């Protein structure tokens, strides 16, 4: 019970959000496995001595309900006194077994309705039993106490397995998965149909006790048709299934088969139900087969999660690559002198003094320290203009690079089946409305950090006096210029302009802090900017990668995979039950 309980929890935790090949099918298998644990495996392990549940299934028009009526000796199913909807299958049980089935011990997700035998020509009254599911509930079992059944065995008339209604087919599959044994009804002209054989092959895989009823066989060809079906069963791994042939016969006024038609099947069922040991053997055989199947399913589901992680890593890599290029693009613009063009360069020259003076420094840079104080006396332009120009230029670069990264990421995802499903109904290629504001805030934060760095570095009185001559803001924008032009990368005339700009800024800072301190400040300034840019891009990339969060970690999948050996031991190799060889 502990092992199966852990399996139930692990299967419930599995997530397959990426639309890769096979994911939808595996998800259906997972849901069915969880349902089977709830409806059958866990309840049956808790009560191996409970009555057996025999589910009567088959194709539309195969004669399931007529067969059930024949087994109990009077009309009781849809053709008779009880008239439930197709989504209200009938469960017939011996009166002594009522407590086993009126509770939620088996098929706990279905509500219960107690049916009463009545006039065949009138709808049967019914009163709710157990928990009232409310006005929206549709799936329910109609419980009918039937003294004609042997104690220890219940019959459940399931909806058609090939019903045109999806919900009926789903319910039929659910009920068959909760069976201890199957009574499979087919006809002489439909026993080779594909749909019934899909379920019969599943029965073979589960090693469940199966009785096949070949209904409506024309008189005179019983042996021929039975031999052909027996051969088919043997080839499909169901050589041990019991085969019962029902010759085509006219029904009486109540829709009943001639008396004694179902006697061989009645005797077979009675032999299975006659003592607790026989019932337990059938239940254990079915349980063993189901558990072995669950082990295979758990292993396949774990592999599907591995595939999900590989697909998620591929999608995350696409985003990481696109935003990595954006990061490099932003940082290149801050390091190679690109930002020292246009407005930034103009405002810097205005702040330092004049363009003529700036150009004269190329031949007289050695006299800068002596002339610094005189230079700054007039302060032709405030440093805030330089700061604003830098902010504007850096902001434009950031928005442009993020827009390119988002477009690239979405394009790559739409080329991938796993990514297309995640993007359905979404447009992540556009820059978020709040990104420009967040980018501006990060740039201003970086600028404020520079002021703090300068104040920390200029704690000494002499250094602070030098800073005061230029102003903290002036020193800060000078440090920004040094950071932006530190590597140089422009061509032609721009090399001289940007280079001269960097030299001026470098010498101004050295005259205040000294050469070593300037290198340290520049390095910290660049590191701070790199971190802020990186954080900003990572945050925006989360618009994509957050969609991958449902994919579970490898450690979680291994917890499911670790249960497989125990399940195989628990399922064993199966042991023959009395229902396999007949009565």
Protein backbone atom coordinates (compact mmCIF):
# COMPACT_ATOMS: atom_id res chain seq x y z
CA UNK A 1 0.00 0.00 0.00
CA UNK A 2 2.89 2.36 0.75
CA UNK A 3 4.49 1.64 -2.62
CA UNK A 4 1.22 2.09 -4.50
CA UNK A 5 0.40 5.22 -2.54
CA UNK A 6 3.75 6.73 -3.48
CA UNK A 7 3.15 5.74 -7.12
CA UNK A 8 -0.21 7.50 -7.00
CA UNK A 9 1.39 10.67 -5.61
CA UNK A 10 4.25 10.64 -8.12
CA UNK A 11 1.98 10.09 -11.11
CA UNK A 12 -0.27 12.89 -9.92
CA UNK A 13 2.74 15.23 -9.75
CA UNK A 14 3.93 14.49 -13.31
CA UNK A 15 3.63 17.38 -15.75
CA UNK A 16 4.04 17.17 -19.54
CA UNK A 17 3.40 20.75 -20.67
CA UNK A 18 5.43 20.70 -23.89
CA UNK A 19 3.69 19.55 -27.05
CA UNK A 20 6.42 17.21 -28.27
CA UNK A 21 5.74 13.97 -30.10
CA UNK A 22 3.95 11.47 -27.90
CA UNK A 23 3.25 13.88 -25.03
CA UNK A 24 -0.53 13.89 -25.46
CA UNK A 25 -0.68 10.11 -25.55
CA UNK A 26 1.54 9.77 -22.50
CA UNK A 27 -0.59 12.29 -20.62
CA UNK A 28 -3.67 10.20 -21.39
CA UNK A 29 -1.84 7.11 -20.09
CA UNK A 30 -0.88 8.99 -16.92
CA UNK A 31 -4.44 10.12 -16.23
CA UNK A 32 -5.77 6.62 -16.85
CA UNK A 33 -3.14 5.13 -14.51
CA UNK A 34 -4.08 7.54 -11.72
CA UNK A 35 -7.76 6.73 -12.28
CA UNK A 36 -7.10 3.00 -12.21
CA UNK A 37 -5.19 3.30 -8.95
CA UNK A 38 -8.09 5.22 -7.42
CA UNK A 39 -10.90 3.14 -8.91
CA UNK A 40 -9.47 -0.33 -8.60
CA UNK A 41 -5.91 -1.05 -7.45
CA UNK A 42 -5.85 0.74 -4.10
CA UNK A 43 -9.42 -0.29 -3.13
CA UNK A 44 -8.80 -3.90 -4.12
CA UNK A 45 -5.52 -4.15 -2.17
CA UNK A 46 -7.34 -2.80 0.87
CA UNK A 47 -10.05 -5.47 0.60
CA UNK A 48 -8.97 -8.63 -1.20
CA UNK A 49 -11.97 -10.42 0.29
CA UNK A 50 -14.47 -8.03 -1.29
CA UNK A 51 -16.86 -9.38 -3.97
CA UNK A 52 -15.53 -9.55 -7.49
CA UNK A 53 -16.65 -6.95 -9.99
CA UNK A 54 -17.38 -8.40 -13.42
CA UNK A 55 -17.80 -5.71 -16.06
CA UNK A 56 -19.90 -6.54 -19.09
CA UNK A 57 -18.54 -4.62 -22.08
CA UNK A 58 -18.79 -4.61 -25.83
CA UNK A 59 -19.67 -2.76 -28.98
CA UNK A 60 -22.91 -1.00 -29.79
CA UNK A 61 -25.71 -3.47 -30.42
CA UNK A 62 -23.70 -6.48 -29.25
CA UNK A 63 -26.44 -7.50 -26.83
CA UNK A 64 -24.83 -6.68 -23.48
CA UNK A 65 -28.03 -5.64 -21.76
CA UNK A 66 -29.96 -8.62 -23.11
CA UNK A 67 -27.21 -10.92 -21.82
CA UNK A 68 -27.31 -9.32 -18.36
CA UNK A 69 -31.10 -9.79 -18.27
CA UNK A 70 -30.60 -13.47 -19.19
CA UNK A 71 -28.03 -13.92 -16.40
CA UNK A 72 -30.46 -12.69 -13.71
CA UNK A 73 -33.57 -14.22 -15.28
CA UNK A 74 -35.72 -11.13 -15.76
CA UNK A 75 -35.58 -7.66 -17.38
CA UNK A 76 -33.44 -5.31 -15.35
CA UNK A 77 -31.32 -3.25 -17.73
CA UNK A 78 -32.10 -0.50 -20.21
CA UNK A 79 -34.47 -2.69 -22.16
CA UNK A 80 -36.40 -3.49 -18.99
CA UNK A 81 -37.50 -1.96 -15.72
CA UNK A 82 -34.50 0.20 -14.95
CA UNK A 83 -34.04 2.98 -17.48
CA UNK A 84 -30.86 4.90 -16.67
CA UNK A 85 -29.11 7.13 -19.15
CA UNK A 86 -26.14 5.72 -21.05
CA UNK A 87 -23.89 7.50 -18.53
CA UNK A 88 -25.61 5.73 -15.63
CA UNK A 89 -24.46 2.10 -15.90
CA UNK A 90 -26.20 -0.52 -13.78
CA UNK A 91 -24.33 -2.42 -11.08
CA UNK A 92 -26.15 -5.61 -10.03
CA UNK A 93 -25.14 -7.18 -6.73
CA UNK A 94 -26.41 -9.78 -4.30
CA UNK A 95 -28.36 -8.18 -1.43
CA UNK A 96 -25.77 -9.47 1.07
CA UNK A 97 -23.03 -7.50 -0.71
CA UNK A 98 -24.76 -4.12 -0.68
CA UNK A 99 -22.27 -2.49 1.73
CA UNK A 100 -19.35 -3.33 -0.52
CA UNK A 101 -20.72 -1.24 -3.38
CA UNK A 102 -22.85 1.53 -1.93
CA UNK A 103 -19.76 3.13 -0.39
CA UNK A 104 -16.90 4.74 -2.31
CA UNK A 105 -14.71 1.64 -1.89
CA UNK A 106 -14.56 1.12 -5.64
CA UNK A 107 -15.06 3.76 -8.38
CA UNK A 108 -15.09 6.54 -5.76
CA UNK A 109 -15.54 9.24 -8.40
CA UNK A 110 -19.02 8.01 -9.35
CA UNK A 111 -22.12 8.82 -7.31
CA UNK A 112 -24.61 6.08 -6.42
CA UNK A 113 -28.31 5.81 -7.22
CA UNK A 114 -30.40 2.95 -5.81
CA UNK A 115 -32.69 1.42 -8.45
CA UNK A 116 -35.88 -0.53 -7.80
CA UNK A 117 -37.58 -3.20 -9.85
CA UNK A 118 -40.84 -1.91 -11.25
CA UNK A 119 -43.36 -2.17 -14.04
CA UNK A 120 -41.37 -2.83 -17.23
CA UNK A 121 -43.49 -0.28 -19.08
CA UNK A 122 -42.87 2.57 -16.62
CA UNK A 123 -39.76 4.45 -15.56
CA UNK A 124 -38.35 3.09 -12.34
CA UNK A 125 -38.36 5.28 -9.21
CA UNK A 126 -34.94 6.00 -7.84
CA UNK A 127 -33.68 7.59 -4.67
CA UNK A 128 -30.21 8.92 -4.06
CA UNK A 129 -27.88 6.96 -1.84
CA UNK A 130 -24.63 8.16 -0.34
CA UNK A 131 -23.28 11.61 -1.17
CA UNK A 132 -25.54 13.73 -3.34
CA UNK A 133 -23.33 14.88 -6.23
CA UNK A 134 -25.43 17.95 -6.92
CA UNK A 135 -27.41 19.04 -9.99
CA UNK A 136 -24.41 19.10 -12.32
CA UNK A 137 -23.36 15.50 -11.71
CA UNK A 138 -23.97 13.10 -14.58
CA UNK A 139 -21.72 10.06 -13.99
CA UNK A 140 -23.34 7.70 -11.51
CA UNK A 141 -23.90 4.00 -10.85
CA UNK A 142 -27.44 2.64 -10.57
CA UNK A 143 -27.24 0.09 -7.75
CA UNK A 144 -29.70 -2.82 -8.01
CA UNK A 145 -29.83 -5.62 -5.42
CA UNK A 146 -30.40 -8.88 -7.31
CA UNK A 147 -30.99 -12.15 -5.39
CA UNK A 148 -30.43 -14.15 -8.57
CA UNK A 149 -26.71 -13.36 -8.55
CA UNK A 150 -24.30 -15.44 -6.46
CA UNK A 151 -22.98 -13.75 -3.35
CA UNK A 152 -19.46 -12.48 -3.88
CA UNK A 153 -19.95 -11.40 -7.50
CA UNK A 154 -21.37 -8.19 -8.97
CA UNK A 155 -22.19 -7.44 -12.62
CA UNK A 156 -21.71 -4.00 -14.11
CA UNK A 157 -23.32 -3.22 -17.48
CA UNK A 158 -20.96 -0.67 -19.06
CA UNK A 159 -21.65 1.82 -21.87
CA UNK A 160 -20.69 0.89 -25.42
CA UNK A 161 -16.94 0.93 -26.00
CA UNK A 162 -17.49 2.41 -29.48
CA UNK A 163 -20.20 4.89 -28.50
CA UNK A 164 -20.45 8.02 -30.62
CA UNK A 165 -20.34 10.02 -27.36
CA UNK A 166 -16.82 10.69 -26.08
CA UNK A 167 -17.98 10.64 -22.46
CA UNK A 168 -19.59 7.23 -22.87
CA UNK A 169 -16.40 5.78 -24.34
CA UNK A 170 -14.38 7.35 -21.53
CA UNK A 171 -16.71 5.93 -18.90
CA UNK A 172 -16.66 2.49 -20.52
CA UNK A 173 -12.85 2.45 -20.43
CA UNK A 174 -12.88 3.62 -16.80
CA UNK A 175 -15.26 0.83 -15.77
CA UNK A 176 -13.32 -1.85 -17.63
CA UNK A 177 -10.13 -0.67 -15.87
CA UNK A 178 -11.87 -1.19 -12.52
CA UNK A 179 -12.91 -4.78 -13.29
CA UNK A 180 -11.67 -7.94 -11.60
CA UNK A 181 -12.84 -9.88 -14.63
CA UNK A 182 -14.35 -9.04 -18.01
CA UNK A 183 -17.36 -10.45 -19.79
CA UNK A 184 -16.77 -9.26 -23.32
CA UNK A 185 -19.76 -9.42 -25.66
CA UNK A 186 -19.35 -9.39 -29.44
CA UNK A 187 -21.32 -10.72 -32.38
CA UNK A 188 -20.78 -13.20 -35.17
CA UNK A 189 -20.38 -10.44 -37.73
CA UNK A 190 -18.31 -8.00 -35.62
CA UNK A 191 -15.84 -10.07 -33.58
CA UNK A 192 -12.93 -9.03 -35.80
CA UNK A 193 -13.56 -5.27 -35.45
CA UNK A 194 -10.57 -3.18 -34.41
CA UNK A 195 -12.07 -1.39 -31.38
CA UNK A 196 -12.95 -4.56 -29.39
CA UNK A 197 -9.51 -5.99 -30.05
CA UNK A 198 -7.78 -2.93 -28.67
CA UNK A 199 -9.45 -3.66 -25.34
CA UNK A 200 -8.91 -7.39 -25.58
CA UNK A 201 -5.19 -6.84 -26.15
CA UNK A 202 -5.16 -4.65 -23.07
CA UNK A 203 -6.82 -7.52 -21.21
CA UNK A 204 -4.04 -9.83 -22.35
CA UNK A 205 -1.43 -7.36 -21.10
CA UNK A 206 -3.21 -7.15 -17.73
CA UNK A 207 -3.57 -10.95 -17.53
CA UNK A 208 -7.15 -10.36 -16.45
CA UNK A 209 -9.68 -13.19 -16.35
CA UNK A 210 -11.80 -12.84 -19.50
CA UNK A 211 -14.95 -14.47 -20.78
CA UNK A 212 -15.84 -13.74 -24.40
CA UNK A 213 -19.49 -14.10 -25.35
CA UNK A 214 -20.05 -14.60 -29.08
CA UNK A 215 -23.62 -13.45 -29.51
CA UNK A 216 -26.18 -13.77 -32.32
CA UNK A 217 -24.47 -16.65 -34.07
CA UNK A 218 -26.65 -18.06 -36.86
CA UNK A 219 -27.75 -21.63 -36.24
CA UNK A 220 -25.58 -24.20 -37.94
CA UNK A 221 -22.33 -22.20 -38.04
CA UNK A 222 -21.61 -22.08 -34.31
CA UNK A 223 -18.60 -24.41 -34.46
CA UNK A 224 -17.07 -22.71 -37.47
CA UNK A 225 -17.34 -19.17 -36.06
CA UNK A 226 -16.25 -20.28 -32.57
CA UNK A 227 -13.15 -22.00 -33.99
CA UNK A 228 -12.14 -18.88 -35.90
CA UNK A 229 -12.56 -16.64 -32.86
CA UNK A 230 -10.71 -19.12 -30.64
CA UNK A 231 -7.77 -19.02 -33.03
CA UNK A 232 -7.82 -15.22 -33.02
CA UNK A 233 -7.82 -15.17 -29.22
CA UNK A 234 -4.89 -17.59 -29.08
CA UNK A 235 -2.85 -15.50 -31.53
CA UNK A 236 -3.47 -12.37 -29.45
CA UNK A 237 -2.36 -13.88 -26.13
CA UNK A 238 -5.83 -14.81 -24.85
CA UNK A 239 -5.75 -18.57 -25.30
CA UNK A 240 -7.02 -19.01 -21.75
CA UNK A 241 -10.13 -16.89 -22.23
CA UNK A 242 -13.43 -18.71 -21.88
CA UNK A 243 -15.64 -18.56 -24.98
CA UNK A 244 -19.42 -18.79 -24.76
CA UNK A 245 -21.53 -18.99 -27.91
CA UNK A 246 -25.11 -17.67 -27.96
CA UNK A 247 -27.13 -18.80 -30.95
CA UNK A 248 -29.34 -16.21 -32.57
CA UNK A 249 -32.84 -16.61 -31.10
CA UNK A 250 -36.07 -14.59 -31.09
CA UNK A 251 -36.75 -12.58 -27.91
CA UNK A 252 -40.00 -12.90 -25.97
CA UNK A 253 -42.41 -10.06 -25.21
CA UNK A 254 -40.17 -8.76 -22.40
CA UNK A 255 -37.07 -8.82 -24.60
CA UNK A 256 -35.69 -11.94 -22.93
CA UNK A 257 -33.64 -14.75 -24.49
CA UNK A 258 -35.00 -18.29 -24.24
CA UNK A 259 -34.57 -19.81 -20.79
CA UNK A 260 -31.24 -21.54 -20.27
CA UNK A 261 -29.41 -19.59 -23.00
CA UNK A 262 -27.00 -18.07 -20.50
CA UNK A 263 -26.70 -21.18 -18.28
CA UNK A 264 -23.06 -22.04 -19.22
CA UNK A 265 -21.94 -18.50 -18.40
CA UNK A 266 -23.97 -18.55 -15.17
CA UNK A 267 -22.26 -21.76 -14.09
CA UNK A 268 -18.81 -20.35 -14.92
CA UNK A 269 -19.46 -17.24 -12.85
CA UNK A 270 -20.86 -19.29 -9.96
CA UNK A 271 -17.70 -21.44 -9.94
CA UNK A 272 -15.55 -18.32 -9.64
CA UNK A 273 -17.69 -16.78 -6.90
CA UNK A 274 -18.37 -19.89 -4.82
CA UNK A 275 -15.68 -19.32 -2.15
CA UNK A 276 -13.35 -16.60 -0.91
CA UNK A 277 -10.23 -18.46 -2.05
CA UNK A 278 -11.40 -18.62 -5.65
CA UNK A 279 -12.37 -14.96 -5.65
CA UNK A 280 -9.08 -13.94 -4.07
CA UNK A 281 -7.10 -15.89 -6.69
CA UNK A 282 -8.91 -14.08 -9.51
CA UNK A 283 -8.46 -10.70 -7.83
CA UNK A 284 -4.77 -11.30 -7.19
CA UNK A 285 -4.13 -12.41 -10.75
CA UNK A 286 -5.75 -9.27 -12.08
CA UNK A 287 -3.95 -7.10 -9.56
CA UNK A 288 -0.60 -8.60 -10.46
CA UNK A 289 -1.20 -7.93 -14.12
CA UNK A 290 -2.32 -4.37 -13.48
CA UNK A 291 0.70 -3.64 -11.29
CA UNK A 292 3.09 -5.00 -13.93
CA UNK A 293 1.36 -2.75 -16.44
CA UNK A 294 1.69 0.20 -14.06
CA UNK A 295 5.41 -0.48 -13.77
CA UNK A 296 5.74 -0.29 -17.57
CA UNK A 297 3.62 2.87 -17.66
CA UNK A 298 5.63 4.52 -14.88
CA UNK A 299 8.86 3.82 -16.74
CA UNK A 300 7.42 5.21 -19.99
CA UNK A 301 6.11 8.30 -18.21
CA UNK A 302 9.51 8.89 -16.60
CA UNK A 303 11.10 8.68 -20.05
CA UNK A 304 8.52 11.16 -21.33
CA UNK A 305 9.60 13.57 -18.58
CA UNK A 306 13.22 13.10 -19.69
CA UNK A 307 12.12 14.06 -23.20
CA UNK A 308 10.31 17.10 -21.80
CA UNK A 309 13.48 18.28 -20.06
CA UNK A 310 15.51 17.88 -23.25
CA UNK A 311 12.97 19.94 -25.16
CA UNK A 312 12.84 22.54 -22.37
CA UNK A 313 16.65 22.78 -22.35
CA UNK A 314 16.58 23.34 -26.10
CA UNK A 315 13.99 26.12 -25.80
CA UNK A 316 15.80 27.71 -22.87
CA UNK A 317 19.01 27.58 -24.88
CA UNK A 318 17.32 29.47 -27.71
CA UNK A 319 16.32 32.23 -25.30
CA UNK A 320 19.69 32.25 -23.58
CA UNK A 321 21.44 32.60 -26.92
CA UNK A 322 19.21 35.46 -28.11
CA UNK A 323 19.45 37.40 -24.86
CA UNK A 324 23.15 36.61 -24.59
CA UNK A 325 23.65 38.33 -27.93
CA UNK A 326 21.60 41.26 -26.64
CA UNK A 327 23.82 41.48 -23.56
CA UNK A 328 26.95 41.47 -25.67
CA UNK A 329 25.46 44.12 -27.91
CA UNK A 330 24.70 46.43 -24.98
CA UNK A 331 28.07 45.92 -23.33
CA UNK A 332 29.92 46.40 -26.61
CA UNK A 333 28.20 49.75 -27.04
CA UNK A 334 29.31 50.77 -23.54
CA UNK A 335 32.93 49.68 -24.06
CA UNK A 336 33.89 50.48 -27.62
CA UNK A 337 33.20 54.19 -27.70
CA UNK A 338 29.89 53.90 -29.55
CA UNK A 339 28.10 55.92 -26.88
CA UNK A 340 30.66 58.75 -27.20
CA UNK A 341 29.15 59.91 -30.45
CA UNK A 342 26.59 62.57 -31.18
CA UNK A 343 24.79 64.10 -28.23
CA UNK A 344 26.99 62.56 -25.52
CA UNK A 345 30.19 63.84 -27.13
CA UNK A 346 28.69 67.29 -27.70
CA UNK A 347 27.47 67.63 -24.11
CA UNK A 348 30.80 66.37 -22.77
CA UNK A 349 32.75 68.94 -24.75
CA UNK A 350 30.41 71.66 -23.54
CA UNK A 351 30.93 70.49 -19.97
CA UNK A 352 34.72 70.35 -20.21
CA UNK A 353 35.03 73.70 -21.85
CA UNK A 354 35.08 74.17 -25.60
CA UNK A 355 35.67 72.06 -28.64
CA UNK A 356 38.79 74.14 -29.40
CA UNK A 357 40.24 73.39 -25.98
CA UNK A 358 39.37 69.71 -26.28
CA UNK A 359 41.20 69.46 -29.58
CA UNK A 360 44.19 71.43 -28.25
CA UNK A 361 44.71 68.75 -25.62
CA UNK A 362 45.99 66.38 -28.29
CA UNK A 363 49.25 68.38 -28.38
CA UNK A 364 49.30 69.68 -24.83
CA UNK A 365 47.90 66.98 -22.59
CA UNK A 366 50.89 67.24 -20.24
CA UNK A 367 49.82 70.71 -19.09
CA UNK A 368 46.28 69.60 -18.12
CA UNK A 369 46.92 69.31 -14.37
CA UNK A 370 48.21 72.87 -14.19
CA UNK A 371 45.29 74.28 -16.13
CA UNK A 372 42.52 72.16 -14.52
CA UNK A 373 41.39 74.72 -11.97
CA UNK A 374 41.28 77.50 -14.54
CA UNK A 375 39.38 75.30 -16.90
CA UNK A 376 36.62 74.49 -14.50
CA UNK A 377 36.12 77.97 -13.12
CA UNK A 378 33.57 78.97 -15.76
CA UNK A 379 31.78 75.61 -16.04
CA UNK A 380 30.21 76.36 -19.40
CA UNK A 381 27.64 73.49 -19.10
CA UNK A 382 26.27 71.54 -16.11
CA UNK A 383 27.18 67.83 -15.78
CA UNK A 384 23.48 66.90 -15.71
CA UNK A 385 23.34 67.49 -19.47
CA UNK A 386 26.07 64.95 -20.02
CA UNK A 387 24.37 62.53 -17.62
CA UNK A 388 21.05 62.88 -19.44
CA UNK A 389 22.67 62.34 -22.82
CA UNK A 390 24.40 59.19 -21.54
CA UNK A 391 21.15 57.91 -20.06
CA UNK A 392 19.28 58.53 -23.32
CA UNK A 393 21.90 56.82 -25.46
CA UNK A 394 22.27 53.79 -23.18
CA UNK A 395 18.50 53.50 -22.85
CA UNK A 396 18.07 53.39 -26.64
CA UNK A 397 20.67 50.65 -26.93
CA UNK A 398 18.98 48.56 -24.23
CA UNK A 399 15.50 48.80 -25.75
CA UNK A 400 16.81 48.02 -29.22
CA UNK A 401 18.74 44.95 -28.09
CA UNK A 402 15.86 43.57 -26.00
CA UNK A 403 13.46 43.99 -28.92
CA UNK A 404 15.84 42.01 -31.14
CA UNK A 405 16.27 39.29 -28.49
CA UNK A 406 12.52 38.90 -28.00
CA UNK A 407 11.88 38.64 -31.74
CA UNK A 408 14.67 36.10 -32.16
CA UNK A 409 13.47 33.99 -29.21
CA UNK A 410 9.88 33.87 -30.44
CA UNK A 411 10.94 33.03 -33.97
CA UNK A 412 13.03 30.10 -32.76
CA UNK A 413 10.22 28.84 -30.51
CA UNK A 414 7.68 28.99 -33.31
CA UNK A 415 9.97 26.78 -35.39
CA UNK A 416 9.88 24.16 -32.61
CA UNK A 417 6.76 22.06 -31.90
CA UNK A 418 7.38 22.32 -28.16
CA UNK A 419 7.66 26.10 -28.31
CA UNK A 420 4.67 26.61 -30.61
CA UNK A 421 2.32 25.10 -28.07
CA UNK A 422 3.59 27.37 -25.32
CA UNK A 423 3.22 30.48 -27.47
CA UNK A 424 -0.35 29.73 -28.47
CA UNK A 425 -2.41 32.81 -27.70
CA UNK A 426 0.68 34.81 -26.70
CA UNK A 427 2.81 37.45 -28.41
CA UNK A 428 6.16 37.67 -26.64
CA UNK A 429 8.01 39.31 -29.52
CA UNK A 430 7.10 42.81 -28.38
CA UNK A 431 9.02 44.73 -25.73
CA UNK A 432 6.83 44.88 -22.59
CA UNK A 433 5.24 48.24 -21.91
CA UNK A 434 7.06 48.62 -18.62
CA UNK A 435 10.50 47.68 -19.95
CA UNK A 436 11.54 51.24 -20.95
CA UNK A 437 10.75 52.45 -17.44
CA UNK A 438 12.64 49.56 -15.85
CA UNK A 439 15.61 50.17 -18.13
CA UNK A 440 15.64 53.87 -17.25
CA UNK A 441 15.49 53.02 -13.55
CA UNK A 442 18.48 50.67 -13.86
CA UNK A 443 20.53 53.31 -15.68
CA UNK A 444 19.72 55.90 -13.04
CA UNK A 445 20.57 53.36 -10.38
CA UNK A 446 23.94 52.80 -11.99
CA UNK A 447 24.57 56.53 -12.11
CA UNK A 448 23.68 56.85 -8.43
CA UNK A 449 26.01 53.97 -7.61
CA UNK A 450 28.85 55.85 -9.28
CA UNK A 451 28.23 58.86 -7.04
CA UNK A 452 28.41 56.57 -4.02
CA UNK A 453 31.66 55.04 -5.29
CA UNK A 454 33.16 58.50 -5.75
CA UNK A 455 32.11 59.60 -2.27
CA UNK A 456 33.64 56.46 -0.76
CA UNK A 457 36.87 56.92 -2.72
CA UNK A 458 37.05 60.62 -1.84
CA UNK A 459 36.68 60.19 1.92
CA UNK A 460 39.98 62.01 2.55
CA UNK A 461 39.92 65.79 2.95
CA UNK A 462 42.40 66.51 0.17
CA UNK A 463 40.63 64.27 -2.34
CA UNK A 464 37.26 65.69 -1.36
CA UNK A 465 38.53 69.17 -2.00
CA UNK A 466 39.53 68.17 -5.50
CA UNK A 467 36.15 66.56 -6.05
CA UNK A 468 34.45 69.73 -4.87
CA UNK A 469 36.28 71.73 -7.51
CA UNK A 470 34.54 69.70 -10.22
CA UNK A 471 31.47 68.64 -8.25
CA UNK A 472 30.40 65.08 -7.44
CA UNK A 473 28.12 64.98 -10.47
CA UNK A 474 30.93 66.25 -12.68
CA UNK A 475 33.27 63.56 -11.41
CA UNK A 476 30.54 60.95 -11.93
CA UNK A 477 29.94 61.81 -15.58
CA UNK A 478 33.71 61.88 -16.09
CA UNK A 479 33.88 58.35 -14.70
CA UNK A 480 31.09 57.30 -17.08
CA UNK A 481 33.10 58.65 -20.00
CA UNK A 482 36.15 56.70 -18.88
CA UNK A 483 34.04 53.53 -18.58
CA UNK A 484 32.55 53.94 -22.06
CA UNK A 485 35.84 54.65 -23.84
CA UNK A 486 38.07 52.28 -21.94
CA UNK A 487 38.68 49.82 -24.75
CA UNK A 488 38.34 51.98 -27.87
CA UNK A 489 36.94 50.43 -31.00
CA UNK A 490 35.98 53.18 -33.39
CA UNK A 491 37.48 53.77 -36.80
CA UNK A 492 38.75 56.75 -38.78
CA UNK A 493 38.27 60.22 -37.35
CA UNK A 494 36.14 58.83 -34.53
CA UNK A 495 39.22 57.20 -33.04
CA UNK A 496 40.81 60.54 -32.41
CA UNK A 497 37.65 62.10 -31.04
CA UNK A 498 36.74 59.21 -28.76
CA UNK A 499 40.37 58.67 -27.80
CA UNK A 500 40.83 62.31 -26.95
CA UNK A 501 37.62 62.24 -24.97
CA UNK A 502 38.85 59.26 -22.98
CA UNK A 503 42.24 60.89 -22.37
CA UNK A 504 40.66 64.08 -21.04
CA UNK A 505 38.36 62.13 -18.73
CA UNK A 506 41.19 59.86 -17.60
CA UNK A 507 43.49 62.75 -16.78
CA UNK A 508 40.78 64.67 -14.98
CA UNK A 509 40.11 61.72 -12.72
CA UNK A 510 43.81 60.99 -12.18
CA UNK A 511 44.31 64.59 -11.07
CA UNK A 512 41.73 63.91 -8.33
CA UNK A 513 42.23 60.27 -7.27
CA UNK A 514 45.52 59.08 -8.72
CA UNK A 515 46.14 56.54 -11.44
CA UNK A 516 45.52 53.33 -9.44
CA UNK A 517 42.29 54.62 -7.96
CA UNK A 518 40.98 55.61 -11.39
CA UNK A 519 41.56 52.10 -12.72
CA UNK A 520 39.78 50.66 -9.69
CA UNK A 521 36.84 53.04 -10.04
CA UNK A 522 36.50 52.34 -13.76
CA UNK A 523 36.56 48.61 -13.19
CA UNK A 524 33.89 48.80 -10.47
CA UNK A 525 31.79 51.10 -12.63
CA UNK A 526 31.90 48.63 -15.51
CA UNK A 527 31.14 45.66 -13.26
CA UNK A 528 28.17 47.46 -11.77
CA UNK A 529 26.79 48.28 -15.20
CA UNK A 530 27.35 44.74 -16.47
CA UNK A 531 25.43 43.33 -13.50
CA UNK A 532 22.52 45.71 -13.94
CA UNK A 533 22.28 45.05 -17.67
CA UNK A 534 22.51 41.30 -17.10
CA UNK A 535 19.79 41.35 -14.42
CA UNK A 536 17.54 43.43 -16.65
CA UNK A 537 17.89 41.05 -19.59
CA UNK A 538 17.47 37.95 -17.45
CA UNK A 539 14.29 39.43 -16.04
CA UNK A 540 12.90 40.05 -19.52
CA UNK A 541 13.96 36.59 -20.72
CA UNK A 542 11.79 35.15 -17.94
CA UNK A 543 8.79 36.02 -20.08
CA UNK A 544 9.87 33.00 -22.10
CA UNK A 545 11.59 30.72 -19.62
CA UNK A 546 8.79 31.00 -17.04
CA UNK A 547 6.66 28.99 -19.47
CA UNK A 548 9.07 26.08 -18.92
CA UNK A 549 8.72 26.04 -15.15
CA UNK A 550 6.15 23.23 -15.18
CA UNK A 551 8.74 20.82 -16.56
CA UNK A 552 9.91 18.85 -13.56
CA UNK A 553 13.49 18.52 -12.39
CA UNK A 554 15.46 15.33 -12.98
CA UNK A 555 15.44 14.52 -9.26
CA UNK A 556 11.64 14.50 -9.24
CA UNK A 557 11.46 12.13 -12.20
CA UNK A 558 13.97 9.82 -10.56
CA UNK A 559 11.61 9.48 -7.59
CA UNK A 560 9.03 8.04 -9.98
CA UNK A 561 11.56 5.86 -11.79
CA UNK A 562 12.85 4.49 -8.48
CA UNK A 563 9.43 2.90 -7.84
CA UNK A 564 9.55 0.72 -10.96
CA UNK A 565 11.67 -2.17 -9.56
CA UNK A 566 9.40 -2.45 -6.53
CA UNK A 567 6.32 -2.50 -8.75
CA UNK A 568 7.80 -5.29 -10.85
CA UNK A 569 8.49 -7.33 -7.73
CA UNK A 570 4.98 -6.67 -6.44
CA UNK A 571 3.41 -7.69 -9.76
CA UNK A 572 5.45 -10.88 -9.93
CA UNK A 573 4.77 -13.19 -12.85
CA UNK A 574 1.08 -13.77 -12.15
CA UNK A 575 -0.60 -16.99 -11.00
CA UNK A 576 -3.46 -18.73 -12.71
CA UNK A 577 -6.88 -18.16 -11.20
CA UNK A 578 -9.78 -20.60 -11.46
CA UNK A 579 -11.51 -18.41 -14.03
CA UNK A 580 -8.80 -19.08 -16.59
CA UNK A 581 -9.63 -22.70 -17.18
CA UNK A 582 -13.39 -22.64 -16.69
CA UNK A 583 -15.68 -24.38 -14.26
